[in-house]
Amino acid sequence: MPWKLASLSTLLAVALLSGCSSTSESTPEPAAAETGHDRCEAKSAEFAIGKKASPELLEQARTRAGAQIARILKPNDMVTLEYRSDRLNLNTDANLVINRVNCG
């Protein structure tokens, strides 16, 4: 009889805990859900190549590319390794002249 009670209580605990779990498939990414954009188009921001990086140019490039966020990356900057399809990167040389535009 004690084994049946232990098995029943274990089964009940598993059933209750499984109701608390959630899946990320049913929850959309916040950035994509807010605006409908989930990718940036780097080609649209290539006009910035050869220009000196500035906050104004960064915002203009972000808007044209359809990106949610943007950043300026200098040669020795540390960057995170996650890929974000809604982020625009403006890569510069040591003089802050943009030499590459990409998304990620």
C-alpha atoms as a PDB file:
ATOM      1  CA  MET A   1       0.000   0.000   0.000  1.00  0.00           C
ATOM      2  CA  PRO A   2       2.784   2.593   0.753  1.00  0.00           C
ATOM      3  CA  TRP A   3       4.232   2.058  -2.744  1.00  0.00           C
ATOM      4  CA  LYS A   4       0.908   2.808  -4.369  1.00  0.00           C
ATOM      5  CA  LEU A   5       0.590   5.999  -2.337  1.00  0.00           C
ATOM      6  CA  ALA A   6       4.148   7.055  -3.232  1.00  0.00           C
ATOM      7  CA  SER A   7       3.549   6.326  -6.926  1.00  0.00           C
ATOM      8  CA  LEU A   8       0.286   8.243  -6.889  1.00  0.00           C
ATOM      9  CA  SER A   9       1.862  11.268  -5.176  1.00  0.00           C
ATOM     10  CA  THR A  10       4.780  11.231  -7.641  1.00  0.00           C
ATOM     11  CA  LEU A  11       2.386  11.097 -10.573  1.00  0.00           C
ATOM     12  CA  LEU A  12       0.374  13.970  -9.122  1.00  0.00           C
ATOM     13  CA  ALA A  13       3.533  16.083  -8.609  1.00  0.00           C
ATOM     14  CA  VAL A  14       4.637  15.495 -12.209  1.00  0.00           C
ATOM     15  CA  ALA A  15       1.195  16.457 -13.510  1.00  0.00           C
ATOM     16  CA  LEU A  16       1.198  19.686 -11.492  1.00  0.00           C
ATOM     17  CA  LEU A  17       4.734  20.661 -12.515  1.00  0.00           C
ATOM     18  CA  SER A  18       4.103  19.999 -16.201  1.00  0.00           C
ATOM     19  CA  GLY A  19       1.322  22.580 -16.080  1.00  0.00           C
ATOM     20  CA  CYS A  20       3.907  25.191 -15.004  1.00  0.00           C
ATOM     21  CA  SER A  21       6.192  24.660 -17.969  1.00  0.00           C
ATOM     22  CA  SER A  22       6.125  27.013 -20.929  1.00  0.00           C
ATOM     23  CA  THR A  23       7.371  26.835 -24.471  1.00  0.00           C
ATOM     24  CA  SER A  24       9.095  29.650 -26.324  1.00  0.00           C
ATOM     25  CA  GLU A  25       7.369  28.665 -29.571  1.00  0.00           C
ATOM     26  CA  SER A  26       4.095  30.262 -28.534  1.00  0.00           C
ATOM     27  CA  THR A  27       5.758  33.532 -27.439  1.00  0.00           C
ATOM     28  CA  PRO A  28       7.036  35.713 -30.293  1.00  0.00           C
ATOM     29  CA  GLU A  29      10.219  37.753 -29.965  1.00  0.00           C
ATOM     30  CA  PRO A  30       9.361  41.198 -28.599  1.00  0.00           C
ATOM     31  CA  ALA A  31      11.144  43.165 -31.330  1.00  0.00           C
ATOM     32  CA  ALA A  32       9.508  41.218 -34.123  1.00  0.00           C
ATOM     33  CA  ALA A  33       6.078  41.355 -32.530  1.00  0.00           C
ATOM     34  CA  GLU A  34       6.115  45.117 -31.940  1.00  0.00           C
ATOM     35  CA  THR A  35       6.885  46.254 -35.467  1.00  0.00           C
ATOM     36  CA  GLY A  36       6.655  43.234 -37.727  1.00  0.00           C
ATOM     37  CA  HIS A  37      10.348  43.536 -38.675  1.00  0.00           C
ATOM     38  CA  ASP A  38      12.513  40.550 -37.981  1.00  0.00           C
ATOM     39  CA  ARG A  39      15.453  41.191 -40.309  1.00  0.00           C
ATOM     40  CA  CYS A  40      17.583  44.067 -41.420  1.00  0.00           C
ATOM     41  CA  GLU A  41      18.776  44.615 -44.978  1.00  0.00           C
ATOM     42  CA  ALA A  42      22.458  45.597 -44.939  1.00  0.00           C
ATOM     43  CA  LYS A  43      22.415  46.522 -48.658  1.00  0.00           C
ATOM     44  CA  SER A  44      20.161  49.470 -47.836  1.00  0.00           C
ATOM     45  CA  ALA A  45      22.761  50.860 -45.413  1.00  0.00           C
ATOM     46  CA  GLU A  46      25.811  50.529 -47.681  1.00  0.00           C
ATOM     47  CA  PHE A  47      25.575  54.260 -48.452  1.00  0.00           C
ATOM     48  CA  ALA A  48      27.408  54.741 -45.123  1.00  0.00           C
ATOM     49  CA  ILE A  49      30.616  53.006 -46.279  1.00  0.00           C
ATOM     50  CA  GLY A  50      33.458  55.509 -46.502  1.00  0.00           C
ATOM     51  CA  LYS A  51      31.759  58.033 -44.205  1.00  0.00           C
ATOM     52  CA  LYS A  52      32.813  58.907 -40.666  1.00  0.00           C
ATOM     53  CA  ALA A  53      30.660  57.194 -38.032  1.00  0.00           C
ATOM     54  CA  SER A  54      28.335  59.386 -35.997  1.00  0.00           C
ATOM     55  CA  PRO A  55      25.130  58.878 -34.019  1.00  0.00           C
ATOM     56  CA  GLU A  56      23.153  60.630 -36.770  1.00  0.00           C
ATOM     57  CA  LEU A  57      24.598  58.401 -39.506  1.00  0.00           C
ATOM     58  CA  LEU A  58      23.980  55.315 -37.351  1.00  0.00           C
ATOM     59  CA  GLU A  59      20.301  56.208 -36.944  1.00  0.00           C
ATOM     60  CA  GLN A  60      19.916  57.000 -40.642  1.00  0.00           C
ATOM     61  CA  ALA A  61      21.511  53.663 -41.615  1.00  0.00           C
ATOM     62  CA  ARG A  62      19.371  51.772 -39.067  1.00  0.00           C
ATOM     63  CA  THR A  63      16.192  53.312 -40.458  1.00  0.00           C
ATOM     64  CA  ARG A  64      17.078  52.588 -44.087  1.00  0.00           C
ATOM     65  CA  ALA A  65      18.054  49.003 -43.274  1.00  0.00           C
ATOM     66  CA  GLY A  66      14.830  48.370 -41.365  1.00  0.00           C
ATOM     67  CA  ALA A  67      16.790  47.223 -38.310  1.00  0.00           C
ATOM     68  CA  GLN A  68      15.447  47.434 -34.777  1.00  0.00           C
ATOM     69  CA  ILE A  69      18.830  48.219 -33.243  1.00  0.00           C
ATOM     70  CA  ALA A  70      22.209  49.313 -34.570  1.00  0.00           C
ATOM     71  CA  ARG A  71      25.731  49.678 -33.281  1.00  0.00           C
ATOM     72  CA  ILE A  72      29.104  51.035 -34.346  1.00  0.00           C
ATOM     73  CA  LEU A  73      31.950  48.533 -34.001  1.00  0.00           C
ATOM     74  CA  LYS A  74      35.541  49.779 -33.770  1.00  0.00           C
ATOM     75  CA  PRO A  75      38.481  47.467 -34.600  1.00  0.00           C
ATOM     76  CA  ASN A  76      39.206  46.300 -31.034  1.00  0.00           C
ATOM     77  CA  ASP A  77      35.678  46.390 -29.618  1.00  0.00           C
ATOM     78  CA  MET A  78      34.463  43.303 -27.800  1.00  0.00           C
ATOM     79  CA  VAL A  79      31.193  42.002 -29.186  1.00  0.00           C
ATOM     80  CA  THR A  80      28.688  39.416 -28.066  1.00  0.00           C
ATOM     81  CA  LEU A  81      28.434  36.181 -30.027  1.00  0.00           C
ATOM     82  CA  GLU A  82      24.671  35.979 -30.413  1.00  0.00           C
ATOM     83  CA  TYR A  83      23.256  36.541 -33.880  1.00  0.00           C
ATOM     84  CA  ARG A  84      20.409  39.040 -34.115  1.00  0.00           C
ATOM     85  CA  SER A  85      18.779  39.346 -37.503  1.00  0.00           C
ATOM     86  CA  ASP A  86      17.231  42.666 -36.462  1.00  0.00           C
ATOM     87  CA  ARG A  87      20.573  44.374 -35.609  1.00  0.00           C
ATOM     88  CA  LEU A  88      22.690  46.496 -37.968  1.00  0.00           C
ATOM     89  CA  ASN A  89      26.459  46.663 -37.454  1.00  0.00           C
ATOM     90  CA  LEU A  90      28.582  49.483 -38.834  1.00  0.00           C
ATOM     91  CA  ASN A  91      32.217  48.340 -38.724  1.00  0.00           C
ATOM     92  CA  THR A  92      34.871  51.078 -38.694  1.00  0.00           C
ATOM     93  CA  ASP A  93      38.610  51.458 -38.960  1.00  0.00           C
ATOM     94  CA  ALA A  94      40.743  53.160 -36.296  1.00  0.00           C
ATOM     95  CA  ASN A  95      39.720  56.591 -37.649  1.00  0.00           C
ATOM     96  CA  LEU A  96      35.994  55.740 -37.289  1.00  0.00           C
ATOM     97  CA  VAL A  97      35.489  55.553 -41.051  1.00  0.00           C
ATOM     98  CA  ILE A  98      32.910  52.881 -41.881  1.00  0.00           C
ATOM     99  CA  ASN A  99      34.423  50.079 -43.955  1.00  0.00           C
ATOM    100  CA  ARG A 100      31.760  47.365 -43.675  1.00  0.00           C
ATOM    101  CA  VAL A 101      28.022  47.093 -43.061  1.00  0.00           C
ATOM    102  CA  ASN A 102      26.345  43.870 -41.960  1.00  0.00           C
ATOM    103  CA  CYS A 103      23.422  42.527 -39.990  1.00  0.00           C
ATOM    104  CA  GLY A 104      23.696  40.196 -37.059  1.00  0.00           C
END
